[in-house]
C-alpha atoms as a PDB file:
ATOM      1  CA  UNK A   1     172.183  77.791 185.524  1.00  0.00           C
ATOM      2  CA  UNK A   2     175.140  75.401 185.857  1.00  0.00           C
ATOM      3  CA  UNK A   3     173.127  72.408 184.576  1.00  0.00           C
ATOM      4  CA  UNK A   4     170.058  73.718 182.702  1.00  0.00           C
ATOM      5  CA  UNK A   5     169.455  70.424 180.904  1.00  0.00           C
ATOM      6  CA  UNK A   6     169.168  68.320 184.077  1.00  0.00           C
ATOM      7  CA  UNK A   7     165.387  68.104 183.638  1.00  0.00           C
ATOM      8  CA  UNK A   8     163.597  65.845 181.178  1.00  0.00           C
ATOM      9  CA  UNK A   9     162.295  67.585 178.033  1.00  0.00           C
ATOM     10  CA  UNK A  10     158.547  66.991 177.657  1.00  0.00           C
ATOM     11  CA  UNK A  11     156.805  66.267 174.356  1.00  0.00           C
ATOM     12  CA  UNK A  12     153.727  67.442 172.490  1.00  0.00           C
ATOM     13  CA  UNK A  13     151.892  70.477 173.826  1.00  0.00           C
ATOM     14  CA  UNK A  14     154.371  70.704 176.736  1.00  0.00           C
ATOM     15  CA  UNK A  15     157.446  70.872 174.497  1.00  0.00           C
ATOM     16  CA  UNK A  16     158.484  74.170 176.115  1.00  0.00           C
ATOM     17  CA  UNK A  17     158.756  72.434 179.505  1.00  0.00           C
ATOM     18  CA  UNK A  18     161.611  70.610 181.241  1.00  0.00           C
ATOM     19  CA  UNK A  19     160.906  68.723 184.488  1.00  0.00           C
ATOM     20  CA  UNK A  20     163.414  67.806 187.186  1.00  0.00           C
ATOM     21  CA  UNK A  21     162.214  65.279 189.799  1.00  0.00           C
ATOM     22  CA  UNK A  22     163.674  65.132 193.311  1.00  0.00           C
ATOM     23  CA  UNK A  23     162.729  64.206 196.881  1.00  0.00           C
ATOM     24  CA  UNK A  24     161.825  66.962 199.340  1.00  0.00           C
ATOM     25  CA  UNK A  25     160.742  65.985 202.856  1.00  0.00           C
ATOM     26  CA  UNK A  26     160.419  62.351 201.699  1.00  0.00           C
ATOM     27  CA  UNK A  27     157.964  63.285 198.937  1.00  0.00           C
ATOM     28  CA  UNK A  28     158.564  63.303 195.184  1.00  0.00           C
ATOM     29  CA  UNK A  29     158.614  66.914 194.004  1.00  0.00           C
ATOM     30  CA  UNK A  30     158.628  68.169 190.422  1.00  0.00           C
ATOM     31  CA  UNK A  31     160.265  71.387 189.248  1.00  0.00           C
ATOM     32  CA  UNK A  32     158.931  72.599 185.922  1.00  0.00           C
ATOM     33  CA  UNK A  33     160.991  75.144 184.031  1.00  0.00           C
ATOM     34  CA  UNK A  34     161.941  76.399 180.593  1.00  0.00           C
ATOM     35  CA  UNK A  35     165.409  77.334 179.395  1.00  0.00           C
ATOM     36  CA  UNK A  36     166.443  79.383 176.387  1.00  0.00           C
ATOM     37  CA  UNK A  37     170.125  79.043 175.644  1.00  0.00           C
ATOM     38  CA  UNK A  38     170.180  81.812 173.045  1.00  0.00           C
ATOM     39  CA  UNK A  39     169.369  84.503 175.639  1.00  0.00           C
ATOM     40  CA  UNK A  40     170.451  82.606 178.814  1.00  0.00           C
ATOM     41  CA  UNK A  41     166.983  82.644 180.385  1.00  0.00           C
ATOM     42  CA  UNK A  42     165.880  80.125 182.993  1.00  0.00           C
ATOM     43  CA  UNK A  43     162.194  80.511 183.917  1.00  0.00           C
ATOM     44  CA  UNK A  44     160.641  78.681 186.857  1.00  0.00           C
ATOM     45  CA  UNK A  45     157.113  77.703 185.871  1.00  0.00           C
ATOM     46  CA  UNK A  46     155.855  75.478 188.677  1.00  0.00           C
ATOM     47  CA  UNK A  47     157.046  73.559 191.726  1.00  0.00           C
ATOM     48  CA  UNK A  48     154.865  70.902 193.326  1.00  0.00           C
ATOM     49  CA  UNK A  49     153.897  67.286 193.816  1.00  0.00           C
ATOM     50  CA  UNK A  50     153.022  64.979 190.932  1.00  0.00           C
ATOM     51  CA  UNK A  51     149.302  65.193 191.671  1.00  0.00           C
ATOM     52  CA  UNK A  52     147.701  67.307 188.903  1.00  0.00           C
ATOM     53  CA  UNK A  53     151.126  68.754 188.004  1.00  0.00           C
ATOM     54  CA  UNK A  54     150.787  68.438 184.227  1.00  0.00           C
ATOM     55  CA  UNK A  55     147.067  69.242 184.179  1.00  0.00           C
ATOM     56  CA  UNK A  56     147.690  72.504 186.032  1.00  0.00           C
ATOM     57  CA  UNK A  57     150.484  73.521 183.656  1.00  0.00           C
ATOM     58  CA  UNK A  58     148.263  72.878 180.642  1.00  0.00           C
ATOM     59  CA  UNK A  59     145.592  75.084 182.236  1.00  0.00           C
ATOM     60  CA  UNK A  60     148.107  77.944 182.550  1.00  0.00           C
ATOM     61  CA  UNK A  61     149.341  77.733 178.970  1.00  0.00           C
END
């Protein structure tokens, strides 16, 4: 909650999504989340490797 805009805002049909990339156990990991400043809500959507990351999110929404 201290830095909700650390992730990159996606475009198009994933506009609701922000993605923060970091290394975990020497592997690139992506944290997908949404943040609504008006009601101070931070929602974790998905955490995983890059493989099929965006495809899986699109399947959920």
